[in-house]
Amino acid sequence: VQLQASGGGSVQAGGSLRLSCAFSGGAFSSYALGWFRQAPGKQRELVATITNGGSTNYADSVKGRFTISRDSAKNTVYLQMNSLKPEDTAVYYCNARLLRLYWGQGTLVTVSS
């Protein structure tokens, strides 16, 4: 399984970004998918997950602002991020889980105040 994340960039507080993660090398519909992030000097933390059935889970810090979704036609998982805050600044990683866990390479999101 390979995961290719994209869509990061620099945005002002209050702005929006949409991250994409292209999945290949496996049966996309079988995998649970997720987004994690790691800010400088901090541990990697969960942002959002979505099961193969479409159930979602969010970190409290992003509830109501971020939305995770998956598109089986495009083998892609998305993270729509609205009302961004400076504390959302981090490298964002996608992952896929079935019998084991796979990680993408990360995409940097910078939110300025």
Protein backbone atom coordinates (compact mmCIF):
# COMPACT_ATOMS: atom_id res chain seq x y z
CA VAL A 1 0.00 0.00 0.00
CA GLN A 2 1.22 3.48 -0.89
CA LEU A 3 -0.23 6.76 0.34
CA GLN A 4 0.49 10.16 -1.23
CA ALA A 5 -0.65 13.20 0.72
CA SER A 6 -1.06 16.63 -0.83
CA GLY A 7 -2.83 19.94 -0.34
CA GLY A 8 -0.84 21.50 2.44
CA GLY A 9 0.21 25.11 2.38
CA SER A 10 0.17 28.42 4.18
CA VAL A 11 -3.06 30.12 5.15
CA GLN A 12 -4.19 32.86 7.50
CA ALA A 13 -6.21 32.10 10.60
CA GLY A 14 -9.86 31.57 9.73
CA GLY A 15 -9.02 30.20 6.32
CA SER A 16 -9.57 26.76 4.81
CA LEU A 17 -7.55 24.01 3.20
CA ARG A 18 -8.41 20.60 1.83
CA LEU A 19 -5.89 17.81 2.16
CA SER A 20 -5.98 14.79 -0.12
CA CYS A 21 -4.37 11.39 0.26
CA ALA A 22 -4.23 9.12 -2.76
CA PHE A 23 -4.26 5.39 -1.94
CA SER A 24 -2.84 2.65 -4.15
CA GLY A 25 -1.71 -0.95 -3.93
CA GLY A 26 -4.61 -2.45 -2.05
CA ALA A 27 -8.38 -2.77 -1.75
CA PHE A 28 -9.25 0.78 -0.77
CA SER A 29 -12.76 -0.03 0.43
CA SER A 30 -11.42 -2.51 3.01
CA TYR A 31 -9.20 -0.07 4.85
CA ALA A 32 -9.87 2.27 7.72
CA LEU A 33 -8.25 5.63 6.97
CA GLY A 34 -7.04 8.46 9.11
CA TRP A 35 -5.29 11.78 9.40
CA PHE A 36 -2.75 12.53 12.11
CA ARG A 37 -0.58 15.58 12.67
CA GLN A 38 2.68 16.43 14.33
CA ALA A 39 3.54 19.93 15.41
CA PRO A 40 7.17 20.96 16.07
CA GLY A 41 8.37 19.52 19.35
CA LYS A 42 5.19 17.55 19.92
CA GLN A 43 4.08 13.98 19.49
CA ARG A 44 2.02 12.84 16.56
CA GLU A 45 -1.67 13.06 17.39
CA LEU A 46 -4.90 11.82 15.89
CA VAL A 47 -6.95 14.33 13.91
CA ALA A 48 -9.71 12.23 12.34
CA THR A 49 -10.47 8.68 11.24
CA ILE A 50 -13.03 7.07 8.98
CA THR A 51 -13.87 3.38 8.89
CA ASN A 52 -14.48 1.34 5.77
CA GLY A 53 -18.17 1.73 6.59
CA GLY A 54 -17.95 5.51 6.74
CA SER A 55 -18.08 6.06 10.49
CA THR A 56 -15.99 9.01 11.57
CA ASN A 57 -14.14 10.06 14.70
CA TYR A 58 -12.50 13.41 15.46
CA ALA A 59 -10.14 14.88 17.99
CA ASP A 60 -11.97 17.30 20.27
CA SER A 61 -9.74 20.12 19.07
CA VAL A 62 -11.02 19.86 15.48
CA LYS A 63 -14.66 18.85 15.95
CA GLY A 64 -16.98 21.14 14.04
CA ARG A 65 -14.12 22.55 11.94
CA PHE A 66 -12.61 19.56 10.12
CA THR A 67 -14.36 16.91 8.03
CA ILE A 68 -12.87 13.61 6.90
CA SER A 69 -14.33 11.85 3.88
CA ARG A 70 -13.44 9.10 1.45
CA ASP A 71 -14.10 8.65 -2.26
CA SER A 72 -13.96 5.05 -3.43
CA ALA A 73 -14.13 6.06 -7.09
CA LYS A 74 -10.89 8.01 -6.69
CA ASN A 75 -9.26 5.88 -3.96
CA THR A 76 -8.72 9.06 -2.02
CA VAL A 77 -9.32 10.25 1.52
CA TYR A 78 -9.83 13.95 2.19
CA LEU A 79 -9.56 16.27 5.16
CA GLN A 80 -11.51 19.49 4.78
CA MET A 81 -10.17 22.00 7.28
CA ASN A 82 -12.17 25.16 7.99
CA SER A 83 -11.74 27.95 10.52
CA LEU A 84 -8.06 27.16 10.79
CA LYS A 85 -6.15 28.32 13.85
CA PRO A 86 -2.42 28.88 14.38
CA GLU A 87 -2.40 25.83 16.67
CA ASP A 88 -3.40 23.70 13.66
CA THR A 89 0.08 24.28 12.23
CA ALA A 90 1.71 20.87 11.79
CA VAL A 91 2.79 18.24 9.33
CA TYR A 92 -0.30 16.22 8.48
CA TYR A 93 -0.02 12.51 7.74
CA CYS A 94 -2.57 10.13 6.32
CA ASN A 95 -2.66 6.47 7.21
CA ALA A 96 -4.46 3.30 6.21
CA ARG A 97 -5.12 0.34 8.46
CA LEU A 98 -6.24 -3.19 7.83
CA LEU A 99 -3.96 -5.97 9.00
CA ARG A 100 -1.19 -3.44 9.51
CA LEU A 101 -0.72 0.28 9.46
CA TYR A 102 0.61 2.26 6.48
CA TRP A 103 1.69 5.90 6.51
CA GLY A 104 1.95 8.57 3.85
CA GLN A 105 4.81 11.05 3.68
CA GLY A 106 3.15 14.09 5.27
CA THR A 107 2.16 17.53 4.06
CA LEU A 108 2.89 20.78 5.90
CA VAL A 109 0.09 23.09 6.98
CA THR A 110 1.06 26.52 8.31
CA VAL A 111 -1.57 28.82 9.79
CA SER A 112 -0.53 32.38 10.54
CA SER A 113 -2.31 34.73 12.91
